[in-house]
Amino acid sequence: MKPLLIALWAITTREALRFAQQRSRFISALVRPLIWLVVFAAGFRAALGLSIIPPYQTYITYETYIVPGLCGMILLFNGMQSSLSLVYDREMGSMRLLLTSPLPRWWLLLCKILAGTVVSVLQCYAFLGIAAAMGITIPPMGYVYALPALVLGGVMLGALGVALSSLIRQLENFAGVMNFVIFPMFFMSSALYPLWRMAESSALLRDICAVNPFTHTVELIRFALYGQFNGMALLWTMLATMGFMVLALWGYDPGRGLLRRKG
């Protein structure tokens, strides 16, 4: 048990130190959702305004509605950026050295995902603090209830990023893959507008958004921030997490990589 914890501490510390040396990464992680919150919310407010947003049954502004979605944006972008470092580590050889250690491969990948999740959650709370300073009120206990939802969402998106990184051969190709994953996942979700409002324009688009795992992650965070529990969102997020973890383990299977090189 002790070697497992040492590996978790070492990988988390390495990720934290790398993040601390990249101040632009922290600033961009906050500026991106703040731009959506300050600039784009003005246009969307005209469409939704102040209303009772089902199923939350609470009188909220549009800015308050999109805050959980913007937290999901931070988790999504940071999960992909952490996976970008995996591609770099693989090219430099450090990833191969890590996976050849006597510890279980699934634990090493999980440590990498958890390390990125810790950084993502800290960024989310920094964003929530700025939002609170701007007058966007959330129930005080909502910040506590949201922690498990943020952690689970960060693990799910981190596992997705790790699975995608196993398919990338060169670092230059990862940016294109990120664009084909991040933006569809974000815009085809309930991060910016409710699904019931989306169904008014396109039932097909609404159905696509309903099966998007990012939608359920956002809903899990949104309900938690208001002190409510969404069992269906939790179930789908956990299933997606397990599915992405299986893909990540399959992608970093040394035996499969050896067969590929021989073939």
C-alpha atoms as a PDB file:
ATOM      1  CA  MET A   1       0.000   0.000   0.000  1.00  0.00           C
ATOM      2  CA  LYS A   2       2.830   2.404   0.822  1.00  0.00           C
ATOM      3  CA  PRO A   3       4.452   2.229  -2.662  1.00  0.00           C
ATOM      4  CA  LEU A   4       1.069   3.037  -4.209  1.00  0.00           C
ATOM      5  CA  LEU A   5       0.675   6.119  -2.043  1.00  0.00           C
ATOM      6  CA  ILE A   6       4.253   7.199  -2.741  1.00  0.00           C
ATOM      7  CA  ALA A   7       3.570   6.956  -6.474  1.00  0.00           C
ATOM      8  CA  LEU A   8       0.365   8.996  -6.079  1.00  0.00           C
ATOM      9  CA  TRP A   9       2.184  11.675  -4.095  1.00  0.00           C
ATOM     10  CA  ALA A  10       5.108  11.821  -6.527  1.00  0.00           C
ATOM     11  CA  ILE A  11       2.943  12.090  -9.653  1.00  0.00           C
ATOM     12  CA  THR A  12       0.615  14.656  -8.042  1.00  0.00           C
ATOM     13  CA  THR A  13       3.574  16.742  -6.861  1.00  0.00           C
ATOM     14  CA  ARG A  14       5.128  16.615 -10.328  1.00  0.00           C
ATOM     15  CA  GLU A  15       1.887  17.771 -11.931  1.00  0.00           C
ATOM     16  CA  ALA A  16       1.480  20.556  -9.362  1.00  0.00           C
ATOM     17  CA  LEU A  17       5.034  21.789  -9.888  1.00  0.00           C
ATOM     18  CA  ARG A  18       4.578  21.734 -13.637  1.00  0.00           C
ATOM     19  CA  PHE A  19       1.365  23.711 -13.267  1.00  0.00           C
ATOM     20  CA  ALA A  20       3.006  26.209 -10.904  1.00  0.00           C
ATOM     21  CA  GLN A  21       5.686  26.894 -13.500  1.00  0.00           C
ATOM     22  CA  GLN A  22       3.059  27.549 -16.170  1.00  0.00           C
ATOM     23  CA  ARG A  23       1.329  30.668 -14.882  1.00  0.00           C
ATOM     24  CA  SER A  24      -0.169  31.376 -18.294  1.00  0.00           C
ATOM     25  CA  ARG A  25      -2.030  28.076 -18.048  1.00  0.00           C
ATOM     26  CA  PHE A  26      -3.677  29.143 -14.797  1.00  0.00           C
ATOM     27  CA  ILE A  27      -4.554  32.588 -16.157  1.00  0.00           C
ATOM     28  CA  SER A  28      -6.004  31.198 -19.381  1.00  0.00           C
ATOM     29  CA  ALA A  29      -8.027  28.650 -17.405  1.00  0.00           C
ATOM     30  CA  LEU A  30      -9.695  31.553 -15.550  1.00  0.00           C
ATOM     31  CA  VAL A  31      -9.916  34.080 -18.380  1.00  0.00           C
ATOM     32  CA  ARG A  32     -11.686  31.672 -20.736  1.00  0.00           C
ATOM     33  CA  PRO A  33     -14.784  31.049 -18.542  1.00  0.00           C
ATOM     34  CA  LEU A  34     -14.794  34.645 -17.294  1.00  0.00           C
ATOM     35  CA  ILE A  35     -15.110  35.892 -20.869  1.00  0.00           C
ATOM     36  CA  TRP A  36     -18.103  33.644 -21.355  1.00  0.00           C
ATOM     37  CA  LEU A  37     -19.540  34.783 -18.050  1.00  0.00           C
ATOM     38  CA  VAL A  38     -19.104  38.513 -18.623  1.00  0.00           C
ATOM     39  CA  VAL A  39     -19.409  38.970 -22.384  1.00  0.00           C
ATOM     40  CA  PHE A  40     -21.466  36.146 -23.852  1.00  0.00           C
ATOM     41  CA  ALA A  41     -23.936  35.968 -20.981  1.00  0.00           C
ATOM     42  CA  ALA A  42     -25.216  39.421 -21.951  1.00  0.00           C
ATOM     43  CA  GLY A  43     -26.502  38.096 -25.271  1.00  0.00           C
ATOM     44  CA  PHE A  44     -27.958  34.876 -23.905  1.00  0.00           C
ATOM     45  CA  ARG A  45     -29.650  36.726 -21.053  1.00  0.00           C
ATOM     46  CA  ALA A  46     -31.969  38.363 -23.554  1.00  0.00           C
ATOM     47  CA  ALA A  47     -33.182  34.922 -24.631  1.00  0.00           C
ATOM     48  CA  LEU A  48     -33.605  33.348 -21.182  1.00  0.00           C
ATOM     49  CA  GLY A  49     -33.712  36.262 -18.779  1.00  0.00           C
ATOM     50  CA  LEU A  50     -34.806  35.700 -15.188  1.00  0.00           C
ATOM     51  CA  SER A  51     -36.970  32.622 -14.894  1.00  0.00           C
ATOM     52  CA  ILE A  52     -37.633  29.448 -13.011  1.00  0.00           C
ATOM     53  CA  ILE A  53     -35.322  26.956 -14.709  1.00  0.00           C
ATOM     54  CA  PRO A  54     -36.702  23.418 -14.493  1.00  0.00           C
ATOM     55  CA  PRO A  55     -35.833  21.022 -12.956  1.00  0.00           C
ATOM     56  CA  TYR A  56     -33.969  23.190 -10.444  1.00  0.00           C
ATOM     57  CA  GLN A  57     -37.157  25.062  -9.454  1.00  0.00           C
ATOM     58  CA  THR A  58     -35.307  28.142  -8.361  1.00  0.00           C
ATOM     59  CA  TYR A  59     -35.356  31.755  -9.463  1.00  0.00           C
ATOM     60  CA  ILE A  60     -31.937  32.348 -10.987  1.00  0.00           C
ATOM     61  CA  THR A  61     -30.222  34.581 -13.483  1.00  0.00           C
ATOM     62  CA  TYR A  62     -28.638  33.259 -16.635  1.00  0.00           C
ATOM     63  CA  GLU A  63     -25.204  34.026 -15.205  1.00  0.00           C
ATOM     64  CA  THR A  64     -25.964  31.778 -12.242  1.00  0.00           C
ATOM     65  CA  TYR A  65     -27.201  29.074 -14.599  1.00  0.00           C
ATOM     66  CA  ILE A  66     -24.014  28.894 -16.684  1.00  0.00           C
ATOM     67  CA  VAL A  67     -21.530  28.965 -13.777  1.00  0.00           C
ATOM     68  CA  PRO A  68     -21.661  25.135 -13.382  1.00  0.00           C
ATOM     69  CA  GLY A  69     -21.226  24.757 -17.130  1.00  0.00           C
ATOM     70  CA  LEU A  70     -18.176  26.994 -17.053  1.00  0.00           C
ATOM     71  CA  CYS A  71     -16.763  24.889 -14.218  1.00  0.00           C
ATOM     72  CA  GLY A  72     -17.225  21.946 -16.555  1.00  0.00           C
ATOM     73  CA  MET A  73     -15.360  23.913 -19.224  1.00  0.00           C
ATOM     74  CA  ILE A  74     -12.390  24.261 -16.868  1.00  0.00           C
ATOM     75  CA  LEU A  75     -12.432  20.523 -16.170  1.00  0.00           C
ATOM     76  CA  LEU A  76     -12.691  19.737 -19.865  1.00  0.00           C
ATOM     77  CA  PHE A  77      -9.883  21.986 -21.052  1.00  0.00           C
ATOM     78  CA  ASN A  78      -7.567  21.068 -18.196  1.00  0.00           C
ATOM     79  CA  GLY A  79      -8.200  17.353 -18.704  1.00  0.00           C
ATOM     80  CA  MET A  80      -7.140  17.687 -22.327  1.00  0.00           C
ATOM     81  CA  GLN A  81      -4.115  19.821 -21.465  1.00  0.00           C
ATOM     82  CA  SER A  82      -2.958  17.276 -18.888  1.00  0.00           C
ATOM     83  CA  SER A  83      -3.229  14.615 -21.565  1.00  0.00           C
ATOM     84  CA  LEU A  84      -1.133  16.792 -23.848  1.00  0.00           C
ATOM     85  CA  SER A  85       1.698  16.427 -21.347  1.00  0.00           C
ATOM     86  CA  LEU A  86       1.325  12.645 -21.671  1.00  0.00           C
ATOM     87  CA  VAL A  87       2.035  12.882 -25.385  1.00  0.00           C
ATOM     88  CA  TYR A  88       5.098  15.002 -24.616  1.00  0.00           C
ATOM     89  CA  ASP A  89       6.270  12.597 -21.904  1.00  0.00           C
ATOM     90  CA  ARG A  90       5.875   9.689 -24.298  1.00  0.00           C
ATOM     91  CA  GLU A  91       7.984  11.414 -26.939  1.00  0.00           C
ATOM     92  CA  MET A  92      10.657  12.211 -24.359  1.00  0.00           C
ATOM     93  CA  GLY A  93      10.650   8.655 -22.983  1.00  0.00           C
ATOM     94  CA  SER A  94       9.581   9.490 -19.412  1.00  0.00           C
ATOM     95  CA  MET A  95       6.134   7.946 -19.934  1.00  0.00           C
ATOM     96  CA  ARG A  96       7.702   4.654 -20.982  1.00  0.00           C
ATOM     97  CA  LEU A  97       9.927   4.737 -17.907  1.00  0.00           C
ATOM     98  CA  LEU A  98       6.898   5.336 -15.697  1.00  0.00           C
ATOM     99  CA  LEU A  99       4.895   2.463 -17.169  1.00  0.00           C
ATOM    100  CA  THR A 100       7.799   0.020 -16.773  1.00  0.00           C
ATOM    101  CA  SER A 101       7.805   0.466 -12.991  1.00  0.00           C
ATOM    102  CA  PRO A 102       6.722  -2.553 -10.894  1.00  0.00           C
ATOM    103  CA  LEU A 103       3.512  -0.808  -9.857  1.00  0.00           C
ATOM    104  CA  PRO A 104       0.219  -1.715 -11.581  1.00  0.00           C
ATOM    105  CA  ARG A 105      -0.279   0.150 -14.819  1.00  0.00           C
ATOM    106  CA  TRP A 106      -3.886   1.038 -13.967  1.00  0.00           C
ATOM    107  CA  TRP A 107      -2.724   2.696 -10.748  1.00  0.00           C
ATOM    108  CA  LEU A 108      -0.092   4.780 -12.530  1.00  0.00           C
ATOM    109  CA  LEU A 109      -2.623   6.050 -15.066  1.00  0.00           C
ATOM    110  CA  LEU A 110      -5.122   6.699 -12.288  1.00  0.00           C
ATOM    111  CA  CYS A 111      -2.499   8.701 -10.384  1.00  0.00           C
ATOM    112  CA  LYS A 112      -1.879  10.793 -13.495  1.00  0.00           C
ATOM    113  CA  ILE A 113      -5.610  11.426 -13.871  1.00  0.00           C
ATOM    114  CA  LEU A 114      -6.054  12.261 -10.176  1.00  0.00           C
ATOM    115  CA  ALA A 115      -3.113  14.660 -10.298  1.00  0.00           C
ATOM    116  CA  GLY A 116      -4.715  16.547 -13.171  1.00  0.00           C
ATOM    117  CA  THR A 117      -8.065  16.485 -11.368  1.00  0.00           C
ATOM    118  CA  VAL A 118      -6.589  18.148  -8.274  1.00  0.00           C
ATOM    119  CA  VAL A 119      -5.316  21.008 -10.421  1.00  0.00           C
ATOM    120  CA  SER A 120      -8.663  21.274 -12.227  1.00  0.00           C
ATOM    121  CA  VAL A 121     -10.686  21.420  -9.006  1.00  0.00           C
ATOM    122  CA  LEU A 122      -8.468  24.167  -7.597  1.00  0.00           C
ATOM    123  CA  GLN A 123      -9.005  26.164 -10.785  1.00  0.00           C
ATOM    124  CA  CYS A 124     -12.768  25.655 -10.492  1.00  0.00           C
ATOM    125  CA  TYR A 125     -12.865  27.015  -6.945  1.00  0.00           C
ATOM    126  CA  ALA A 126     -10.716  29.984  -7.980  1.00  0.00           C
ATOM    127  CA  PHE A 127     -13.271  30.694 -10.715  1.00  0.00           C
ATOM    128  CA  LEU A 128     -16.177  30.274  -8.283  1.00  0.00           C
ATOM    129  CA  GLY A 129     -14.477  32.731  -5.923  1.00  0.00           C
ATOM    130  CA  ILE A 130     -14.188  35.336  -8.693  1.00  0.00           C
ATOM    131  CA  ALA A 131     -17.805  34.716  -9.679  1.00  0.00           C
ATOM    132  CA  ALA A 132     -18.888  35.254  -6.067  1.00  0.00           C
ATOM    133  CA  ALA A 133     -16.927  38.516  -5.992  1.00  0.00           C
ATOM    134  CA  MET A 134     -18.870  39.583  -9.090  1.00  0.00           C
ATOM    135  CA  GLY A 135     -22.137  39.120  -7.208  1.00  0.00           C
ATOM    136  CA  ILE A 136     -23.162  35.698  -8.526  1.00  0.00           C
ATOM    137  CA  THR A 137     -24.604  34.072  -5.435  1.00  0.00           C
ATOM    138  CA  ILE A 138     -24.624  30.338  -4.799  1.00  0.00           C
ATOM    139  CA  PRO A 139     -25.791  28.687  -1.560  1.00  0.00           C
ATOM    140  CA  PRO A 140     -22.801  28.450   0.798  1.00  0.00           C
ATOM    141  CA  MET A 141     -23.138  24.689   1.259  1.00  0.00           C
ATOM    142  CA  GLY A 142     -23.241  24.311  -2.503  1.00  0.00           C
ATOM    143  CA  TYR A 143     -19.486  24.847  -2.617  1.00  0.00           C
ATOM    144  CA  VAL A 144     -19.073  21.841  -0.331  1.00  0.00           C
ATOM    145  CA  TYR A 145     -21.601  19.636  -2.113  1.00  0.00           C
ATOM    146  CA  ALA A 146     -19.988  20.417  -5.470  1.00  0.00           C
ATOM    147  CA  LEU A 147     -16.582  19.014  -4.486  1.00  0.00           C
ATOM    148  CA  PRO A 148     -17.394  15.310  -5.134  1.00  0.00           C
ATOM    149  CA  ALA A 149     -19.113  16.242  -8.398  1.00  0.00           C
ATOM    150  CA  LEU A 150     -16.097  18.251  -9.544  1.00  0.00           C
ATOM    151  CA  VAL A 151     -13.716  15.428  -8.628  1.00  0.00           C
ATOM    152  CA  LEU A 152     -15.766  12.807 -10.451  1.00  0.00           C
ATOM    153  CA  GLY A 153     -16.148  15.058 -13.480  1.00  0.00           C
ATOM    154  CA  GLY A 154     -12.422  15.781 -13.510  1.00  0.00           C
ATOM    155  CA  VAL A 155     -11.596  12.066 -13.356  1.00  0.00           C
ATOM    156  CA  MET A 156     -14.009  11.294 -16.198  1.00  0.00           C
ATOM    157  CA  LEU A 157     -12.645  13.989 -18.498  1.00  0.00           C
ATOM    158  CA  GLY A 158      -9.068  13.180 -17.506  1.00  0.00           C
ATOM    159  CA  ALA A 159      -9.647   9.530 -18.425  1.00  0.00           C
ATOM    160  CA  LEU A 160     -11.060  10.640 -21.769  1.00  0.00           C
ATOM    161  CA  GLY A 161      -7.970  12.739 -22.390  1.00  0.00           C
ATOM    162  CA  VAL A 162      -5.650   9.862 -21.492  1.00  0.00           C
ATOM    163  CA  ALA A 163      -7.555   7.543 -23.836  1.00  0.00           C
ATOM    164  CA  LEU A 164      -7.226  10.059 -26.669  1.00  0.00           C
ATOM    165  CA  SER A 165      -3.518  10.631 -25.977  1.00  0.00           C
ATOM    166  CA  SER A 166      -2.865   6.922 -26.529  1.00  0.00           C
ATOM    167  CA  LEU A 167      -4.024   7.318 -30.138  1.00  0.00           C
ATOM    168  CA  ILE A 168      -1.795  10.292 -30.955  1.00  0.00           C
ATOM    169  CA  ARG A 169       1.595   9.558 -32.467  1.00  0.00           C
ATOM    170  CA  GLN A 170       2.926  13.113 -32.669  1.00  0.00           C
ATOM    171  CA  LEU A 171       2.465  16.122 -30.420  1.00  0.00           C
ATOM    172  CA  GLU A 172       1.459  18.334 -33.348  1.00  0.00           C
ATOM    173  CA  ASN A 173      -1.634  16.222 -34.066  1.00  0.00           C
ATOM    174  CA  PHE A 174      -3.079  16.513 -30.581  1.00  0.00           C
ATOM    175  CA  ALA A 175      -4.329  20.089 -31.034  1.00  0.00           C
ATOM    176  CA  GLY A 176      -6.540  19.033 -33.933  1.00  0.00           C
ATOM    177  CA  VAL A 177      -7.987  16.134 -31.971  1.00  0.00           C
ATOM    178  CA  MET A 178      -8.694  18.459 -29.043  1.00  0.00           C
ATOM    179  CA  ASN A 179     -10.706  20.768 -31.311  1.00  0.00           C
ATOM    180  CA  PHE A 180     -12.771  17.853 -32.587  1.00  0.00           C
ATOM    181  CA  VAL A 181     -13.504  16.727 -29.022  1.00  0.00           C
ATOM    182  CA  ILE A 182     -13.624  19.804 -26.787  1.00  0.00           C
ATOM    183  CA  PHE A 183     -15.888  22.091 -28.774  1.00  0.00           C
ATOM    184  CA  PRO A 184     -18.533  19.498 -29.760  1.00  0.00           C
ATOM    185  CA  MET A 185     -18.647  18.182 -26.193  1.00  0.00           C
ATOM    186  CA  PHE A 186     -19.011  21.677 -24.755  1.00  0.00           C
ATOM    187  CA  PHE A 187     -21.516  23.199 -27.172  1.00  0.00           C
ATOM    188  CA  MET A 188     -23.615  20.029 -27.485  1.00  0.00           C
ATOM    189  CA  SER A 189     -24.383  19.997 -23.779  1.00  0.00           C
ATOM    190  CA  SER A 190     -26.461  21.839 -21.200  1.00  0.00           C
ATOM    191  CA  ALA A 191     -23.513  24.012 -20.193  1.00  0.00           C
ATOM    192  CA  LEU A 192     -24.887  27.166 -21.845  1.00  0.00           C
ATOM    193  CA  TYR A 193     -28.614  26.514 -22.262  1.00  0.00           C
ATOM    194  CA  PRO A 194     -31.171  24.037 -20.891  1.00  0.00           C
ATOM    195  CA  LEU A 195     -32.045  20.964 -22.914  1.00  0.00           C
ATOM    196  CA  TRP A 196     -35.740  21.824 -22.827  1.00  0.00           C
ATOM    197  CA  ARG A 197     -34.989  25.114 -24.555  1.00  0.00           C
ATOM    198  CA  MET A 198     -32.820  23.298 -27.098  1.00  0.00           C
ATOM    199  CA  ALA A 199     -35.660  20.884 -27.853  1.00  0.00           C
ATOM    200  CA  GLU A 200     -37.784  23.814 -28.997  1.00  0.00           C
ATOM    201  CA  SER A 201     -35.493  24.254 -32.011  1.00  0.00           C
ATOM    202  CA  SER A 202     -34.266  20.712 -32.736  1.00  0.00           C
ATOM    203  CA  ALA A 203     -35.354  17.462 -31.118  1.00  0.00           C
ATOM    204  CA  LEU A 204     -32.432  15.613 -32.727  1.00  0.00           C
ATOM    205  CA  LEU A 205     -29.897  18.051 -31.323  1.00  0.00           C
ATOM    206  CA  ARG A 206     -31.522  17.743 -27.926  1.00  0.00           C
ATOM    207  CA  ASP A 207     -31.197  13.940 -28.070  1.00  0.00           C
ATOM    208  CA  ILE A 208     -27.518  14.206 -29.043  1.00  0.00           C
ATOM    209  CA  CYS A 209     -26.905  16.520 -26.110  1.00  0.00           C
ATOM    210  CA  ALA A 210     -28.770  14.151 -23.787  1.00  0.00           C
ATOM    211  CA  VAL A 211     -26.354  11.287 -24.511  1.00  0.00           C
ATOM    212  CA  ASN A 212     -23.297  13.511 -24.225  1.00  0.00           C
ATOM    213  CA  PRO A 213     -21.460  12.461 -21.015  1.00  0.00           C
ATOM    214  CA  PHE A 214     -20.318  16.047 -20.525  1.00  0.00           C
ATOM    215  CA  THR A 215     -23.983  17.070 -20.204  1.00  0.00           C
ATOM    216  CA  HIS A 216     -24.448  14.723 -17.262  1.00  0.00           C
ATOM    217  CA  THR A 217     -21.242  15.968 -15.648  1.00  0.00           C
ATOM    218  CA  VAL A 218     -22.478  19.560 -15.891  1.00  0.00           C
ATOM    219  CA  GLU A 219     -25.886  18.603 -14.501  1.00  0.00           C
ATOM    220  CA  LEU A 220     -24.255  16.751 -11.614  1.00  0.00           C
ATOM    221  CA  ILE A 221     -22.238  19.866 -10.749  1.00  0.00           C
ATOM    222  CA  ARG A 222     -25.231  22.165 -11.242  1.00  0.00           C
ATOM    223  CA  PHE A 223     -27.524  20.175  -8.944  1.00  0.00           C
ATOM    224  CA  ALA A 224     -24.757  19.854  -6.342  1.00  0.00           C
ATOM    225  CA  LEU A 225     -24.174  23.614  -6.294  1.00  0.00           C
ATOM    226  CA  TYR A 226     -27.833  24.052  -5.406  1.00  0.00           C
ATOM    227  CA  GLY A 227     -27.703  21.379  -2.716  1.00  0.00           C
ATOM    228  CA  GLN A 228     -29.624  18.802  -4.770  1.00  0.00           C
ATOM    229  CA  PHE A 229     -28.798  15.286  -5.892  1.00  0.00           C
ATOM    230  CA  ASN A 230     -29.146  14.031  -9.459  1.00  0.00           C
ATOM    231  CA  GLY A 231     -28.925  10.257  -9.391  1.00  0.00           C
ATOM    232  CA  MET A 232     -29.243   9.806 -13.152  1.00  0.00           C
ATOM    233  CA  ALA A 233     -26.424  12.268 -13.856  1.00  0.00           C
ATOM    234  CA  LEU A 234     -24.251  10.506 -11.264  1.00  0.00           C
ATOM    235  CA  LEU A 235     -24.947   7.104 -12.836  1.00  0.00           C
ATOM    236  CA  TRP A 236     -24.116   8.207 -16.374  1.00  0.00           C
ATOM    237  CA  THR A 237     -20.996  10.068 -15.258  1.00  0.00           C
ATOM    238  CA  MET A 238     -19.726   7.006 -13.392  1.00  0.00           C
ATOM    239  CA  LEU A 239     -20.445   4.742 -16.377  1.00  0.00           C
ATOM    240  CA  ALA A 240     -18.622   7.139 -18.696  1.00  0.00           C
ATOM    241  CA  THR A 241     -15.697   7.276 -16.261  1.00  0.00           C
ATOM    242  CA  MET A 242     -15.366   3.505 -16.207  1.00  0.00           C
ATOM    243  CA  GLY A 243     -15.677   3.327 -19.987  1.00  0.00           C
ATOM    244  CA  PHE A 244     -12.977   5.947 -20.575  1.00  0.00           C
ATOM    245  CA  MET A 245     -10.719   4.276 -18.009  1.00  0.00           C
ATOM    246  CA  VAL A 246     -11.020   0.971 -19.861  1.00  0.00           C
ATOM    247  CA  LEU A 247     -10.127   2.721 -23.122  1.00  0.00           C
ATOM    248  CA  ALA A 248      -7.157   4.411 -21.461  1.00  0.00           C
ATOM    249  CA  LEU A 249      -5.847   1.102 -20.082  1.00  0.00           C
ATOM    250  CA  TRP A 250      -6.334  -0.538 -23.461  1.00  0.00           C
ATOM    251  CA  GLY A 251      -4.553   2.325 -25.200  1.00  0.00           C
ATOM    252  CA  TYR A 252      -1.523   2.102 -22.924  1.00  0.00           C
ATOM    253  CA  ASP A 253      -1.306  -1.685 -22.971  1.00  0.00           C
ATOM    254  CA  PRO A 254       2.403  -2.483 -23.594  1.00  0.00           C
ATOM    255  CA  GLY A 255       1.539  -5.824 -25.198  1.00  0.00           C
ATOM    256  CA  ARG A 256      -0.799  -4.187 -27.696  1.00  0.00           C
ATOM    257  CA  GLY A 257       1.860  -1.590 -28.507  1.00  0.00           C
ATOM    258  CA  LEU A 258       4.448  -4.353 -29.090  1.00  0.00           C
ATOM    259  CA  LEU A 259       2.108  -6.209 -31.421  1.00  0.00           C
ATOM    260  CA  ARG A 260       1.434  -2.994 -33.311  1.00  0.00           C
ATOM    261  CA  ARG A 261       5.160  -2.368 -33.821  1.00  0.00           C
ATOM    262  CA  LYS A 262       5.654  -5.944 -35.060  1.00  0.00           C
ATOM    263  CA  GLY A 263       2.679  -5.642 -37.403  1.00  0.00           C
END
